[in-house]
Amino acid sequence: MTTFDDKEKAAENKYAHDREIDFKVLARAHKLLGLWVAGKMRLAGAQAEEYAKSLVMADLAKANQQHLFHKIKTDLLAHDVHITDHDLRMEMHQLEQKAREQVAG
């Protein structure tokens, strides 16, 4: 193998590793978000866990943050919970940062 081949393989490995980390962070963030939303909707225990799992699965199916945002807004309104778009986006951002720290640590 040449030095170029080694560098190319290292770059491919880094890219794959970075994508794996991104996936783990996103899944963790959506679980945290799901538990937070479940709390707002007064769900607890198995119901809260199931709701959190549904957000993770919904995002994996659609791979779209906007879809997830609208699902959450709809679910909150269905439970008569009113949160501004800004506050929900801020919570989503904060939980993603928390997830990134958890995955890194």
N, C-alpha and C. Protein backbone atom coordinates (compact mmCIF):
# COMPACT_ATOMS: atom_id res chain seq x y z
N MET A 1 0.82 -1.18 0.00
CA MET A 1 0.00 0.00 0.00
C MET A 1 0.87 1.25 0.00
N THR A 2 0.42 2.25 -0.70
CA THR A 2 1.16 3.51 -0.75
C THR A 2 0.69 4.44 0.35
N THR A 3 1.45 5.50 0.54
CA THR A 3 1.07 6.51 1.53
C THR A 3 -0.28 7.11 1.17
N PHE A 4 -0.50 7.31 -0.11
CA PHE A 4 -1.78 7.86 -0.56
C PHE A 4 -2.93 6.92 -0.19
N ASP A 5 -2.73 5.63 -0.40
CA ASP A 5 -3.76 4.65 -0.05
C ASP A 5 -4.04 4.66 1.45
N ASP A 6 -2.97 4.78 2.24
CA ASP A 6 -3.12 4.83 3.70
C ASP A 6 -3.92 6.06 4.12
N LYS A 7 -3.61 7.20 3.52
CA LYS A 7 -4.33 8.44 3.85
C LYS A 7 -5.79 8.34 3.43
N GLU A 8 -6.02 7.76 2.27
CA GLU A 8 -7.39 7.60 1.78
C GLU A 8 -8.19 6.69 2.72
N LYS A 9 -7.59 5.59 3.13
CA LYS A 9 -8.25 4.65 4.04
C LYS A 9 -8.52 5.32 5.39
N ALA A 10 -7.58 6.10 5.89
CA ALA A 10 -7.75 6.81 7.16
C ALA A 10 -8.90 7.82 7.05
N ALA A 11 -8.98 8.52 5.92
CA ALA A 11 -10.06 9.49 5.72
C ALA A 11 -11.42 8.79 5.66
N GLU A 12 -11.46 7.65 5.00
CA GLU A 12 -12.71 6.88 4.93
C GLU A 12 -13.13 6.40 6.32
N ASN A 13 -12.17 5.93 7.09
CA ASN A 13 -12.45 5.46 8.45
C ASN A 13 -12.94 6.60 9.34
N LYS A 14 -12.31 7.76 9.22
CA LYS A 14 -12.73 8.92 10.01
C LYS A 14 -14.14 9.34 9.63
N TYR A 15 -14.43 9.36 8.34
CA TYR A 15 -15.77 9.73 7.87
C TYR A 15 -16.82 8.76 8.44
N ALA A 16 -16.54 7.47 8.37
CA ALA A 16 -17.48 6.47 8.88
C ALA A 16 -17.66 6.63 10.39
N HIS A 17 -16.58 6.88 11.09
CA HIS A 17 -16.65 7.07 12.55
C HIS A 17 -17.47 8.32 12.89
N ASP A 18 -17.24 9.40 12.17
CA ASP A 18 -17.98 10.65 12.41
C ASP A 18 -19.47 10.46 12.16
N ARG A 19 -19.83 9.73 11.11
CA ARG A 19 -21.25 9.47 10.83
C ARG A 19 -21.88 8.63 11.93
N GLU A 20 -21.12 7.66 12.44
CA GLU A 20 -21.63 6.82 13.52
C GLU A 20 -21.87 7.65 14.78
N ILE A 21 -20.95 8.54 15.09
CA ILE A 21 -21.11 9.43 16.25
C ILE A 21 -22.32 10.33 16.05
N ASP A 22 -22.47 10.90 14.85
CA ASP A 22 -23.63 11.76 14.55
C ASP A 22 -24.94 11.01 14.76
N PHE A 23 -24.98 9.77 14.31
CA PHE A 23 -26.17 8.94 14.46
C PHE A 23 -26.48 8.72 15.94
N LYS A 24 -25.47 8.38 16.71
CA LYS A 24 -25.66 8.13 18.14
C LYS A 24 -26.13 9.39 18.87
N VAL A 25 -25.53 10.53 18.51
CA VAL A 25 -25.92 11.80 19.13
C VAL A 25 -27.38 12.11 18.81
N LEU A 26 -27.75 11.96 17.56
CA LEU A 26 -29.12 12.27 17.15
C LEU A 26 -30.13 11.34 17.84
N ALA A 27 -29.83 10.06 17.89
CA ALA A 27 -30.73 9.12 18.55
C ALA A 27 -30.85 9.45 20.04
N ARG A 28 -29.74 9.76 20.69
CA ARG A 28 -29.76 10.11 22.11
C ARG A 28 -30.52 11.41 22.33
N ALA A 29 -30.29 12.40 21.47
CA ALA A 29 -30.99 13.69 21.59
C ALA A 29 -32.49 13.52 21.45
N HIS A 30 -32.91 12.69 20.52
CA HIS A 30 -34.34 12.49 20.31
C HIS A 30 -34.96 11.70 21.46
N LYS A 31 -34.21 10.82 22.06
CA LYS A 31 -34.74 10.13 23.23
C LYS A 31 -34.90 11.11 24.38
N LEU A 32 -33.89 11.95 24.61
CA LEU A 32 -33.99 12.96 25.67
C LEU A 32 -35.15 13.91 25.39
N LEU A 33 -35.29 14.31 24.14
CA LEU A 33 -36.38 15.19 23.75
C LEU A 33 -37.72 14.50 23.98
N GLY A 34 -37.81 13.26 23.61
CA GLY A 34 -39.05 12.50 23.80
C GLY A 34 -39.44 12.41 25.26
N LEU A 35 -38.46 12.20 26.12
CA LEU A 35 -38.75 12.13 27.56
C LEU A 35 -39.18 13.50 28.09
N TRP A 36 -38.56 14.55 27.58
CA TRP A 36 -38.95 15.91 27.98
C TRP A 36 -40.38 16.21 27.55
N VAL A 37 -40.69 15.90 26.29
CA VAL A 37 -42.05 16.14 25.77
C VAL A 37 -43.05 15.28 26.53
N ALA A 38 -42.70 14.04 26.78
CA ALA A 38 -43.60 13.15 27.53
C ALA A 38 -43.92 13.74 28.90
N GLY A 39 -42.92 14.31 29.54
CA GLY A 39 -43.15 14.97 30.83
C GLY A 39 -44.12 16.13 30.71
N LYS A 40 -43.98 16.91 29.65
CA LYS A 40 -44.90 18.02 29.42
C LYS A 40 -46.32 17.52 29.21
N MET A 41 -46.45 16.34 28.60
CA MET A 41 -47.77 15.77 28.33
C MET A 41 -48.26 14.92 29.51
N ARG A 42 -47.50 14.94 30.59
CA ARG A 42 -47.83 14.19 31.82
C ARG A 42 -47.85 12.68 31.60
N LEU A 43 -46.95 12.20 30.76
CA LEU A 43 -46.77 10.76 30.59
C LEU A 43 -45.61 10.35 31.49
N ALA A 44 -45.69 9.16 32.02
CA ALA A 44 -44.62 8.68 32.90
C ALA A 44 -44.36 7.20 32.64
N GLY A 45 -43.26 6.73 33.17
CA GLY A 45 -42.93 5.32 33.10
C GLY A 45 -42.85 4.78 31.68
N ALA A 46 -43.53 3.66 31.47
CA ALA A 46 -43.49 2.98 30.17
C ALA A 46 -44.08 3.85 29.06
N GLN A 47 -45.09 4.66 29.39
CA GLN A 47 -45.68 5.53 28.36
C GLN A 47 -44.67 6.58 27.91
N ALA A 48 -43.92 7.14 28.84
CA ALA A 48 -42.90 8.13 28.50
C ALA A 48 -41.80 7.50 27.65
N GLU A 49 -41.36 6.32 28.05
CA GLU A 49 -40.32 5.61 27.29
C GLU A 49 -40.80 5.28 25.88
N GLU A 50 -42.04 4.85 25.78
CA GLU A 50 -42.59 4.51 24.47
C GLU A 50 -42.69 5.75 23.57
N TYR A 51 -43.09 6.86 24.16
CA TYR A 51 -43.16 8.10 23.38
C TYR A 51 -41.76 8.50 22.89
N ALA A 52 -40.78 8.43 23.79
CA ALA A 52 -39.41 8.78 23.42
C ALA A 52 -38.92 7.87 22.29
N LYS A 53 -39.22 6.60 22.39
CA LYS A 53 -38.82 5.64 21.34
C LYS A 53 -39.50 5.99 20.02
N SER A 54 -40.75 6.44 20.10
CA SER A 54 -41.47 6.79 18.87
C SER A 54 -40.81 7.97 18.16
N LEU A 55 -40.24 8.91 18.93
CA LEU A 55 -39.56 10.04 18.29
C LEU A 55 -38.27 9.60 17.61
N VAL A 56 -37.56 8.71 18.27
CA VAL A 56 -36.33 8.19 17.66
C VAL A 56 -36.67 7.47 16.36
N MET A 57 -37.67 6.62 16.41
CA MET A 57 -38.05 5.85 15.22
C MET A 57 -38.63 6.75 14.12
N ALA A 58 -39.40 7.75 14.50
CA ALA A 58 -39.98 8.67 13.51
C ALA A 58 -38.88 9.40 12.77
N ASP A 59 -37.86 9.83 13.49
CA ASP A 59 -36.78 10.55 12.84
C ASP A 59 -35.96 9.62 11.95
N LEU A 60 -35.75 8.40 12.38
CA LEU A 60 -35.00 7.46 11.55
C LEU A 60 -35.75 7.20 10.25
N ALA A 61 -37.05 7.15 10.33
CA ALA A 61 -37.86 6.88 9.14
C ALA A 61 -37.85 8.07 8.18
N LYS A 62 -37.92 9.27 8.72
CA LYS A 62 -38.02 10.47 7.87
C LYS A 62 -36.69 11.19 7.69
N ALA A 63 -35.80 11.07 8.69
CA ALA A 63 -34.51 11.77 8.67
C ALA A 63 -34.70 13.26 8.39
N ASN A 64 -35.64 13.87 9.11
CA ASN A 64 -35.98 15.26 8.85
C ASN A 64 -36.34 15.94 10.16
N GLN A 65 -35.54 16.91 10.57
CA GLN A 65 -35.80 17.63 11.82
C GLN A 65 -37.12 18.38 11.78
N GLN A 66 -37.48 18.93 10.63
CA GLN A 66 -38.73 19.68 10.52
C GLN A 66 -39.93 18.77 10.76
N HIS A 67 -39.87 17.56 10.22
CA HIS A 67 -40.94 16.58 10.45
C HIS A 67 -41.07 16.29 11.94
N LEU A 68 -39.95 16.10 12.60
CA LEU A 68 -39.95 15.81 14.03
C LEU A 68 -40.54 16.98 14.81
N PHE A 69 -40.15 18.19 14.45
CA PHE A 69 -40.67 19.39 15.11
C PHE A 69 -42.19 19.45 15.01
N HIS A 70 -42.71 19.23 13.81
CA HIS A 70 -44.16 19.29 13.61
C HIS A 70 -44.88 18.16 14.36
N LYS A 71 -44.28 17.00 14.41
CA LYS A 71 -44.89 15.88 15.16
C LYS A 71 -45.00 16.25 16.63
N ILE A 72 -43.94 16.81 17.18
CA ILE A 72 -43.94 17.19 18.59
C ILE A 72 -44.99 18.28 18.85
N LYS A 73 -45.02 19.30 17.99
CA LYS A 73 -46.00 20.38 18.17
C LYS A 73 -47.42 19.82 18.15
N THR A 74 -47.69 18.93 17.22
CA THR A 74 -49.02 18.32 17.11
C THR A 74 -49.35 17.51 18.36
N ASP A 75 -48.38 16.72 18.82
CA ASP A 75 -48.60 15.91 20.01
C ASP A 75 -48.84 16.77 21.25
N LEU A 76 -48.06 17.84 21.39
CA LEU A 76 -48.23 18.73 22.53
C LEU A 76 -49.62 19.39 22.50
N LEU A 77 -50.01 19.88 21.35
CA LEU A 77 -51.32 20.52 21.24
C LEU A 77 -52.45 19.54 21.52
N ALA A 78 -52.28 18.29 21.11
CA ALA A 78 -53.28 17.26 21.37
C ALA A 78 -53.45 17.02 22.88
N HIS A 79 -52.41 17.31 23.64
CA HIS A 79 -52.46 17.17 25.10
C HIS A 79 -52.67 18.52 25.78
N ASP A 80 -53.08 19.51 24.99
CA ASP A 80 -53.36 20.87 25.48
C ASP A 80 -52.14 21.49 26.17
N VAL A 81 -50.96 21.22 25.62
CA VAL A 81 -49.72 21.81 26.12
C VAL A 81 -49.27 22.82 25.07
N HIS A 82 -49.08 24.05 25.51
CA HIS A 82 -48.72 25.13 24.58
C HIS A 82 -47.29 25.60 24.86
N ILE A 83 -46.43 25.39 23.89
CA ILE A 83 -45.03 25.80 23.96
C ILE A 83 -44.74 26.56 22.67
N THR A 84 -44.06 27.68 22.79
CA THR A 84 -43.75 28.46 21.59
C THR A 84 -42.77 27.69 20.71
N ASP A 85 -42.81 27.99 19.44
CA ASP A 85 -41.87 27.37 18.51
C ASP A 85 -40.43 27.66 18.94
N HIS A 86 -40.20 28.88 19.36
CA HIS A 86 -38.85 29.27 19.79
C HIS A 86 -38.39 28.41 20.98
N ASP A 87 -39.26 28.27 21.98
CA ASP A 87 -38.89 27.49 23.17
C ASP A 87 -38.65 26.03 22.82
N LEU A 88 -39.46 25.49 21.93
CA LEU A 88 -39.27 24.09 21.53
C LEU A 88 -37.95 23.94 20.77
N ARG A 89 -37.66 24.86 19.87
CA ARG A 89 -36.39 24.77 19.13
C ARG A 89 -35.19 24.93 20.06
N MET A 90 -35.31 25.80 21.05
CA MET A 90 -34.22 25.98 22.02
C MET A 90 -34.01 24.69 22.82
N GLU A 91 -35.09 24.06 23.24
CA GLU A 91 -34.98 22.81 23.99
C GLU A 91 -34.36 21.72 23.12
N MET A 92 -34.77 21.67 21.87
CA MET A 92 -34.19 20.68 20.95
C MET A 92 -32.69 20.89 20.82
N HIS A 93 -32.29 22.14 20.70
CA HIS A 93 -30.86 22.47 20.56
C HIS A 93 -30.09 22.10 21.84
N GLN A 94 -30.64 22.47 22.99
CA GLN A 94 -29.97 22.18 24.25
C GLN A 94 -29.83 20.67 24.49
N LEU A 95 -30.88 19.94 24.15
CA LEU A 95 -30.81 18.49 24.35
C LEU A 95 -29.85 17.83 23.37
N GLU A 96 -29.72 18.39 22.18
CA GLU A 96 -28.73 17.86 21.24
C GLU A 96 -27.32 18.08 21.80
N GLN A 97 -27.08 19.25 22.38
CA GLN A 97 -25.76 19.52 23.00
C GLN A 97 -25.51 18.57 24.16
N LYS A 98 -26.53 18.35 24.97
CA LYS A 98 -26.40 17.41 26.10
C LYS A 98 -26.10 16.00 25.59
N ALA A 99 -26.78 15.59 24.55
CA ALA A 99 -26.56 14.26 23.96
C ALA A 99 -25.13 14.15 23.43
N ARG A 100 -24.66 15.20 22.79
CA ARG A 100 -23.30 15.19 22.24
C ARG A 100 -22.29 15.02 23.38
N GLU A 101 -22.51 15.70 24.50
CA GLU A 101 -21.63 15.56 25.65
C GLU A 101 -21.69 14.15 26.21
N GLN A 102 -22.88 13.58 26.29
CA GLN A 102 -23.03 12.22 26.83
C GLN A 102 -22.35 11.21 25.94
N VAL A 103 -22.50 11.35 24.63
CA VAL A 103 -21.88 10.39 23.70
C VAL A 103 -20.36 10.54 23.73
N ALA A 104 -19.88 11.77 23.82
CA ALA A 104 -18.43 12.01 23.87
C ALA A 104 -17.83 11.52 25.17
N GLY A 105 -18.61 11.60 26.24
CA GLY A 105 -18.09 11.20 27.57
C GLY A 105 -18.32 9.77 27.78
